[in-house]
N, C-alpha and C. Protein backbone atom coordinates (compact mmCIF):
# COMPACT_ATOMS: atom_id res chain seq x y z
N MET A 1 16.97 -59.70 -14.74
CA MET A 1 16.24 -58.68 -13.98
C MET A 1 16.87 -57.36 -14.24
N GLU A 2 18.15 -57.26 -14.55
CA GLU A 2 18.73 -55.96 -14.85
C GLU A 2 18.12 -55.23 -16.04
N ASP A 3 17.84 -55.99 -17.01
CA ASP A 3 17.08 -55.43 -18.22
C ASP A 3 15.72 -54.89 -17.84
N GLU A 4 15.04 -55.68 -16.95
CA GLU A 4 13.73 -55.12 -16.56
C GLU A 4 13.86 -53.86 -15.78
N TYR A 5 14.90 -53.82 -14.94
CA TYR A 5 15.11 -52.49 -14.16
C TYR A 5 15.36 -51.34 -15.11
N LEU A 6 16.24 -51.59 -16.05
CA LEU A 6 16.57 -50.43 -17.00
C LEU A 6 15.30 -50.17 -17.87
N ASP A 7 14.58 -51.13 -18.33
CA ASP A 7 13.32 -50.85 -19.09
C ASP A 7 12.34 -50.07 -18.19
N SER A 8 12.27 -50.40 -16.99
CA SER A 8 11.23 -49.73 -16.07
C SER A 8 11.58 -48.26 -15.95
N ARG A 9 12.87 -47.95 -16.03
CA ARG A 9 13.29 -46.59 -15.78
C ARG A 9 13.00 -45.72 -17.10
N TYR A 10 13.01 -46.30 -18.19
CA TYR A 10 12.91 -45.58 -19.50
C TYR A 10 11.69 -45.91 -20.36
N THR A 11 10.86 -46.82 -19.87
CA THR A 11 9.62 -47.14 -20.62
C THR A 11 8.35 -46.69 -19.87
N PRO A 12 7.63 -45.70 -20.31
CA PRO A 12 6.48 -45.16 -19.59
C PRO A 12 5.48 -46.14 -19.09
N GLY A 13 5.13 -47.13 -19.95
CA GLY A 13 4.11 -48.13 -19.63
C GLY A 13 4.63 -49.41 -19.10
N TYR A 14 5.81 -49.47 -18.54
CA TYR A 14 6.36 -50.72 -17.98
C TYR A 14 5.51 -51.20 -16.82
N THR A 15 5.28 -52.54 -16.85
CA THR A 15 4.65 -53.27 -15.76
C THR A 15 5.43 -54.41 -15.21
N VAL A 16 5.09 -54.77 -14.07
CA VAL A 16 5.82 -55.94 -13.40
C VAL A 16 4.82 -56.98 -13.27
N GLU A 17 5.15 -58.24 -13.71
CA GLU A 17 4.19 -59.31 -13.60
C GLU A 17 4.12 -59.76 -12.12
N SER A 18 3.11 -60.46 -11.83
CA SER A 18 2.92 -60.90 -10.42
C SER A 18 4.03 -61.79 -9.97
N ILE A 19 4.48 -62.70 -10.73
CA ILE A 19 5.55 -63.60 -10.40
C ILE A 19 6.87 -62.89 -10.08
N GLU A 20 7.06 -61.88 -10.97
CA GLU A 20 8.30 -60.97 -10.78
C GLU A 20 8.18 -60.19 -9.48
N LEU A 21 7.03 -59.71 -9.23
CA LEU A 21 6.76 -58.96 -8.00
C LEU A 21 7.00 -59.83 -6.79
N ASP A 22 6.54 -61.05 -6.83
CA ASP A 22 6.79 -61.96 -5.71
C ASP A 22 8.26 -62.22 -5.50
N THR A 23 9.06 -62.34 -6.59
CA THR A 23 10.51 -62.50 -6.50
C THR A 23 11.13 -61.29 -5.87
N ILE A 24 10.70 -60.10 -6.30
CA ILE A 24 11.28 -58.90 -5.80
C ILE A 24 11.02 -58.78 -4.33
N VAL A 25 9.77 -59.05 -3.93
CA VAL A 25 9.36 -58.87 -2.48
C VAL A 25 10.14 -59.87 -1.63
N SER A 26 10.27 -61.11 -2.11
CA SER A 26 10.96 -62.07 -1.39
C SER A 26 12.47 -61.67 -1.19
N ARG A 27 13.04 -61.12 -2.25
CA ARG A 27 14.46 -60.71 -2.15
C ARG A 27 14.62 -59.39 -1.26
N VAL A 28 13.70 -58.53 -1.36
CA VAL A 28 13.76 -57.42 -0.38
C VAL A 28 13.63 -57.83 1.08
N GLN A 29 12.70 -58.78 1.31
CA GLN A 29 12.49 -59.32 2.64
C GLN A 29 13.84 -60.05 3.15
N GLN A 30 14.49 -60.78 2.27
CA GLN A 30 15.75 -61.41 2.64
C GLN A 30 16.81 -60.36 2.96
N LEU A 31 16.87 -59.26 2.14
CA LEU A 31 17.86 -58.21 2.39
C LEU A 31 17.55 -57.51 3.73
N LEU A 32 16.29 -57.24 3.95
CA LEU A 32 15.97 -56.58 5.30
C LEU A 32 16.40 -57.51 6.45
N GLU A 33 16.17 -58.79 6.37
CA GLU A 33 16.54 -59.68 7.42
C GLU A 33 18.06 -59.72 7.59
N LEU A 34 18.78 -59.77 6.49
CA LEU A 34 20.28 -59.66 6.58
C LEU A 34 20.75 -58.38 7.23
N ALA A 35 20.14 -57.28 6.73
CA ALA A 35 20.50 -55.97 7.29
C ALA A 35 20.21 -55.88 8.76
N ASN A 36 19.11 -56.39 9.22
CA ASN A 36 18.76 -56.34 10.58
C ASN A 36 19.72 -57.22 11.45
N THR A 37 20.05 -58.44 10.94
CA THR A 37 21.01 -59.24 11.66
C THR A 37 22.37 -58.54 11.78
N ALA A 38 22.85 -57.96 10.69
CA ALA A 38 24.12 -57.25 10.68
C ALA A 38 24.07 -56.07 11.66
N PHE A 39 22.93 -55.32 11.63
CA PHE A 39 22.83 -54.16 12.55
C PHE A 39 22.84 -54.62 13.98
N VAL A 40 22.11 -55.66 14.29
CA VAL A 40 22.04 -56.09 15.68
C VAL A 40 23.35 -56.56 16.10
N GLU A 41 24.04 -57.32 15.37
CA GLU A 41 25.39 -57.81 15.70
C GLU A 41 26.39 -56.65 15.82
N ARG A 42 26.31 -55.68 14.94
CA ARG A 42 27.26 -54.52 15.10
C ARG A 42 26.99 -53.68 16.36
N MET A 43 25.70 -53.48 16.65
CA MET A 43 25.29 -52.78 17.91
C MET A 43 25.78 -53.50 19.12
N ARG A 44 25.67 -54.87 19.04
CA ARG A 44 26.17 -55.73 20.26
C ARG A 44 27.65 -55.49 20.45
N ILE A 45 28.46 -55.46 19.31
CA ILE A 45 29.89 -55.21 19.44
C ILE A 45 30.15 -53.81 19.94
N ILE A 46 29.49 -52.78 19.44
CA ILE A 46 29.64 -51.39 19.82
C ILE A 46 29.29 -51.23 21.27
N GLU A 47 28.16 -51.77 21.72
CA GLU A 47 27.70 -51.65 23.09
C GLU A 47 28.67 -52.30 24.04
N SER A 48 29.19 -53.50 23.63
CA SER A 48 30.04 -54.15 24.60
C SER A 48 31.43 -53.45 24.66
N SER A 49 31.78 -52.63 23.68
CA SER A 49 33.04 -51.93 23.77
C SER A 49 32.94 -50.72 24.61
N PHE A 50 31.77 -50.25 24.95
CA PHE A 50 31.43 -49.00 25.76
C PHE A 50 31.03 -49.32 27.11
N VAL A 51 30.53 -50.56 27.39
CA VAL A 51 29.94 -50.84 28.69
C VAL A 51 30.94 -51.55 29.47
N ASN A 52 31.29 -51.02 30.71
CA ASN A 52 32.12 -51.62 31.62
C ASN A 52 31.29 -51.84 32.88
N PRO A 53 31.18 -53.09 33.45
CA PRO A 53 30.28 -53.32 34.60
C PRO A 53 30.58 -52.38 35.71
N SER A 54 31.86 -51.93 35.97
CA SER A 54 32.06 -51.07 36.99
C SER A 54 31.72 -49.62 36.76
N TRP A 55 31.50 -49.24 35.54
CA TRP A 55 31.12 -47.92 35.15
C TRP A 55 29.61 -47.67 35.13
N GLY A 56 28.83 -48.74 34.98
CA GLY A 56 27.41 -48.59 34.81
C GLY A 56 27.10 -48.55 33.29
N ILE A 57 25.87 -48.48 32.94
CA ILE A 57 25.44 -48.59 31.55
C ILE A 57 25.85 -47.34 30.71
N HIS A 58 26.00 -46.21 31.29
CA HIS A 58 26.28 -44.95 30.55
C HIS A 58 27.74 -44.60 30.54
N GLY A 59 28.67 -45.47 31.01
CA GLY A 59 30.03 -45.21 30.92
C GLY A 59 30.53 -44.57 32.19
N ARG A 60 31.69 -43.96 32.17
CA ARG A 60 32.20 -43.36 33.41
C ARG A 60 31.37 -42.25 33.88
N THR A 61 31.25 -42.13 35.22
CA THR A 61 30.48 -41.05 35.86
C THR A 61 31.38 -40.44 36.88
């Protein structure tokens, strides 16, 4: 796939076959799912470090 990427950058008429496009789309979807999972988990950690039940949702007042 690396060769295809390099060719696409430097070959004016480069095309992607349907099966290759399906693979790329599938991999991008997997990456988005992983990124979303990591983001949600990180936000949960960050939020839990700032929220104290006695302070309320916005921290100390």
